[in-house]
């Protein structure tokens, strides 16, 4: 049986191989008694200079009834150098693990602007934009289930209603939607 540390070590080796560098670590004390901490690994200048990418670990260390084929960890990549973006995703993973499945199409309200550079205050969950399918699905870390990475995309508060009314596919294909921009124009209707 592997431990949380063993699984994290294998996960990090996989990420280091994909991103070609080691991250900065930001741990969060667990809000679930007895559960391992949540950590966010932050990669500066990934996928390119001026961007930041963060990946969680610890969400998958608890159970959720909807997770039958694998367990998610979260990834965010935005055109910014502000670590508040990946730290917000880590905070959501820590606060909602065990309660939220973080399934594709889920919309999650952060409750306040994530960074001073934008009024974005929510996220939706979908496939990661910066990775190939084989890099984000069925990641073997030696646990009872494989891991997958779920992309977190920041949105403005009014966009929550647009996504819920019109669907994620229509929103994703809107001319103003840019999955990496935190300063793009808001989308109020499709």
Protein backbone atom coordinates (compact mmCIF):
# COMPACT_ATOMS: atom_id res chain seq x y z
CA UNK A 1 0.00 0.00 0.00
CA UNK A 2 1.36 3.41 -0.92
CA UNK A 3 1.27 6.44 1.35
CA UNK A 4 0.18 9.97 0.48
CA UNK A 5 3.87 10.97 0.32
CA UNK A 6 4.65 8.09 -2.07
CA UNK A 7 1.77 9.12 -4.35
CA UNK A 8 2.82 12.79 -4.23
CA UNK A 9 6.40 11.84 -5.13
CA UNK A 10 5.22 9.88 -8.18
CA UNK A 11 2.84 12.68 -9.18
CA UNK A 12 5.63 15.27 -8.94
CA UNK A 13 7.94 13.12 -11.06
CA UNK A 14 5.23 13.04 -13.72
CA UNK A 15 4.69 16.82 -13.56
CA UNK A 16 8.43 17.56 -13.59
CA UNK A 17 8.70 15.42 -16.73
CA UNK A 18 5.88 17.34 -18.42
CA UNK A 19 6.92 20.86 -17.38
CA UNK A 20 10.69 20.33 -17.34
CA UNK A 21 11.25 22.10 -14.04
CA UNK A 22 10.57 21.92 -10.35
CA UNK A 23 7.74 23.97 -8.83
CA UNK A 24 7.37 26.21 -5.82
CA UNK A 25 5.26 24.56 -3.09
CA UNK A 26 2.39 26.16 -1.19
CA UNK A 27 0.86 23.88 1.47
CA UNK A 28 -2.59 24.29 3.04
CA UNK A 29 -3.42 22.77 6.42
CA UNK A 30 -6.12 20.16 5.98
CA UNK A 31 -9.64 21.18 6.92
CA UNK A 32 -10.54 17.49 7.25
CA UNK A 33 -9.24 15.91 10.47
CA UNK A 34 -6.79 13.12 9.69
CA UNK A 35 -6.59 13.88 5.96
CA UNK A 36 -3.27 14.85 4.37
CA UNK A 37 -2.61 18.50 3.55
CA UNK A 38 -3.47 20.04 0.21
CA UNK A 39 -0.53 21.54 -1.67
CA UNK A 40 -0.30 23.69 -4.76
CA UNK A 41 2.72 23.34 -6.98
CA UNK A 42 3.29 26.57 -8.89
CA UNK A 43 5.22 26.70 -12.15
CA UNK A 44 6.28 30.17 -13.30
CA UNK A 45 6.48 30.83 -17.05
CA UNK A 46 4.49 27.70 -17.96
CA UNK A 47 3.29 27.24 -20.65
CA UNK A 48 5.30 30.30 -21.72
CA UNK A 49 6.84 33.47 -20.22
CA UNK A 50 4.27 35.70 -18.55
CA UNK A 51 2.01 32.77 -17.61
CA UNK A 52 1.59 30.89 -14.36
CA UNK A 53 0.43 27.31 -13.88
CA UNK A 54 -0.62 25.71 -10.62
CA UNK A 55 -1.44 22.08 -9.87
CA UNK A 56 -3.02 20.79 -6.67
CA UNK A 57 -2.27 17.65 -4.74
CA UNK A 58 -4.44 16.45 -1.87
CA UNK A 59 -7.90 16.71 -3.40
CA UNK A 60 -7.56 13.08 -4.52
CA UNK A 61 -6.58 11.96 -1.01
CA UNK A 62 -10.22 12.00 0.14
CA UNK A 63 -13.18 10.18 -1.35
CA UNK A 64 -16.20 11.43 -3.27
CA UNK A 65 -19.11 9.17 -4.31
CA UNK A 66 -18.96 10.35 -7.94
CA UNK A 67 -15.31 9.33 -8.37
CA UNK A 68 -15.54 5.81 -9.76
CA UNK A 69 -12.89 5.64 -12.49
CA UNK A 70 -10.29 7.99 -11.04
CA UNK A 71 -9.71 10.94 -8.76
CA UNK A 72 -9.03 14.50 -9.86
CA UNK A 73 -6.41 17.03 -9.04
CA UNK A 74 -6.81 20.58 -10.35
CA UNK A 75 -4.72 22.63 -12.77
CA UNK A 76 -4.93 26.30 -13.69
CA UNK A 77 -2.91 28.13 -16.34
CA UNK A 78 -3.42 31.85 -16.86
CA UNK A 79 -1.65 34.74 -18.50
CA UNK A 80 -0.50 36.34 -15.26
CA UNK A 81 2.36 36.20 -12.80
CA UNK A 82 0.09 36.55 -9.75
CA UNK A 83 0.23 33.46 -7.53
CA UNK A 84 -3.25 34.30 -6.22
CA UNK A 85 -4.72 32.39 -9.19
CA UNK A 86 -3.24 28.97 -8.36
CA UNK A 87 -3.59 29.60 -4.62
CA UNK A 88 -7.33 30.25 -5.08
CA UNK A 89 -7.63 26.86 -6.79
CA UNK A 90 -5.75 25.26 -3.89
CA UNK A 91 -8.07 26.94 -1.41
CA UNK A 92 -11.13 25.60 -3.28
CA UNK A 93 -9.64 22.09 -3.34
CA UNK A 94 -9.00 22.27 0.40
CA UNK A 95 -12.42 23.72 1.28
CA UNK A 96 -14.53 21.56 -1.04
CA UNK A 97 -12.76 18.19 -1.11
CA UNK A 98 -15.12 15.39 -0.29
CA UNK A 99 -18.12 17.62 -1.12
CA UNK A 100 -17.54 18.81 -4.70
CA UNK A 101 -16.72 16.32 -7.48
CA UNK A 102 -14.88 18.93 -9.61
CA UNK A 103 -16.49 17.35 -12.67
CA UNK A 104 -16.31 18.86 -16.15
CA UNK A 105 -18.97 21.55 -16.41
CA UNK A 106 -19.11 22.35 -12.68
CA UNK A 107 -19.18 26.07 -11.92
CA UNK A 108 -17.70 27.09 -8.58
CA UNK A 109 -18.05 30.52 -7.01
CA UNK A 110 -14.95 31.77 -5.20
CA UNK A 111 -17.01 34.53 -3.56
CA UNK A 112 -14.69 37.48 -4.19
CA UNK A 113 -12.31 38.69 -6.89
CA UNK A 114 -9.38 36.31 -7.05
CA UNK A 115 -6.75 38.93 -7.89
CA UNK A 116 -6.61 42.73 -7.99
CA UNK A 117 -5.89 42.50 -11.74
CA UNK A 118 -9.40 41.19 -12.50
CA UNK A 119 -13.00 41.07 -11.30
CA UNK A 120 -13.14 37.32 -11.98
CA UNK A 121 -14.57 35.54 -8.93
CA UNK A 122 -15.61 32.05 -10.08
CA UNK A 123 -14.30 29.06 -12.01
CA UNK A 124 -15.61 26.38 -14.29
CA UNK A 125 -14.08 22.93 -14.61
CA UNK A 126 -13.08 21.41 -17.95
CA UNK A 127 -10.21 19.56 -19.65
CA UNK A 128 -6.78 21.22 -19.25
CA UNK A 129 -5.85 23.41 -22.22
CA UNK A 130 -2.07 23.17 -21.96
CA UNK A 131 -1.73 19.37 -21.80
CA UNK A 132 -2.17 16.51 -24.21
CA UNK A 133 -4.81 13.94 -23.27
CA UNK A 134 -2.19 11.32 -22.31
CA UNK A 135 -0.65 13.83 -19.87
CA UNK A 136 -3.82 14.55 -17.90
CA UNK A 137 -5.74 11.25 -17.85
CA UNK A 138 -5.05 7.98 -16.02
CA UNK A 139 -1.98 9.12 -14.11
CA UNK A 140 -0.71 6.14 -12.11
CA UNK A 141 0.55 7.24 -8.71
CA UNK A 142 0.36 3.82 -7.08
CA UNK A 143 -2.93 4.38 -5.31
CA UNK A 144 -6.19 2.50 -5.53
CA UNK A 145 -7.29 4.72 -8.42
CA UNK A 146 -5.49 6.69 -11.09
CA UNK A 147 -5.49 10.49 -11.06
CA UNK A 148 -6.61 12.91 -13.72
CA UNK A 149 -6.14 16.64 -14.00
CA UNK A 150 -9.18 18.88 -14.25
CA UNK A 151 -8.68 22.37 -15.65
CA UNK A 152 -9.96 25.36 -13.68
CA UNK A 153 -10.93 28.41 -15.74
CA UNK A 154 -11.63 31.76 -14.06
CA UNK A 155 -14.80 33.63 -15.03
CA UNK A 156 -16.66 36.78 -14.09
CA UNK A 157 -19.65 36.46 -11.72
CA UNK A 158 -22.29 37.27 -14.42
CA UNK A 159 -20.83 34.51 -16.60
CA UNK A 160 -21.97 31.88 -14.09
CA UNK A 161 -25.58 32.48 -15.19
CA UNK A 162 -24.60 32.48 -18.87
CA UNK A 163 -22.90 29.08 -18.55
CA UNK A 164 -25.79 27.60 -16.59
CA UNK A 165 -28.36 28.91 -19.08
CA UNK A 166 -26.55 28.33 -22.37
CA UNK A 167 -24.12 25.53 -21.58
CA UNK A 168 -20.38 25.29 -21.37
CA UNK A 169 -19.84 24.36 -25.03
CA UNK A 170 -21.51 27.54 -26.30
CA UNK A 171 -19.60 29.63 -23.74
CA UNK A 172 -16.25 28.03 -24.65
CA UNK A 173 -16.76 28.85 -28.34
CA UNK A 174 -17.78 32.50 -27.79
CA UNK A 175 -15.49 34.94 -29.63
CA UNK A 176 -14.56 36.76 -26.39
CA UNK A 177 -13.63 33.63 -24.45
CA UNK A 178 -9.89 33.13 -23.99
CA UNK A 179 -9.10 30.34 -21.51
CA UNK A 180 -5.89 32.04 -20.39
CA UNK A 181 -6.86 35.72 -20.16
CA UNK A 182 -7.85 37.15 -16.79
CA UNK A 183 -8.59 40.56 -18.32
CA UNK A 184 -10.69 39.53 -21.34
CA UNK A 185 -14.06 41.24 -21.87
CA UNK A 186 -16.92 39.66 -19.94
CA UNK A 187 -19.52 37.55 -21.75
CA UNK A 188 -23.07 38.53 -20.80
CA UNK A 189 -24.97 36.70 -23.52
CA UNK A 190 -24.29 34.18 -26.26
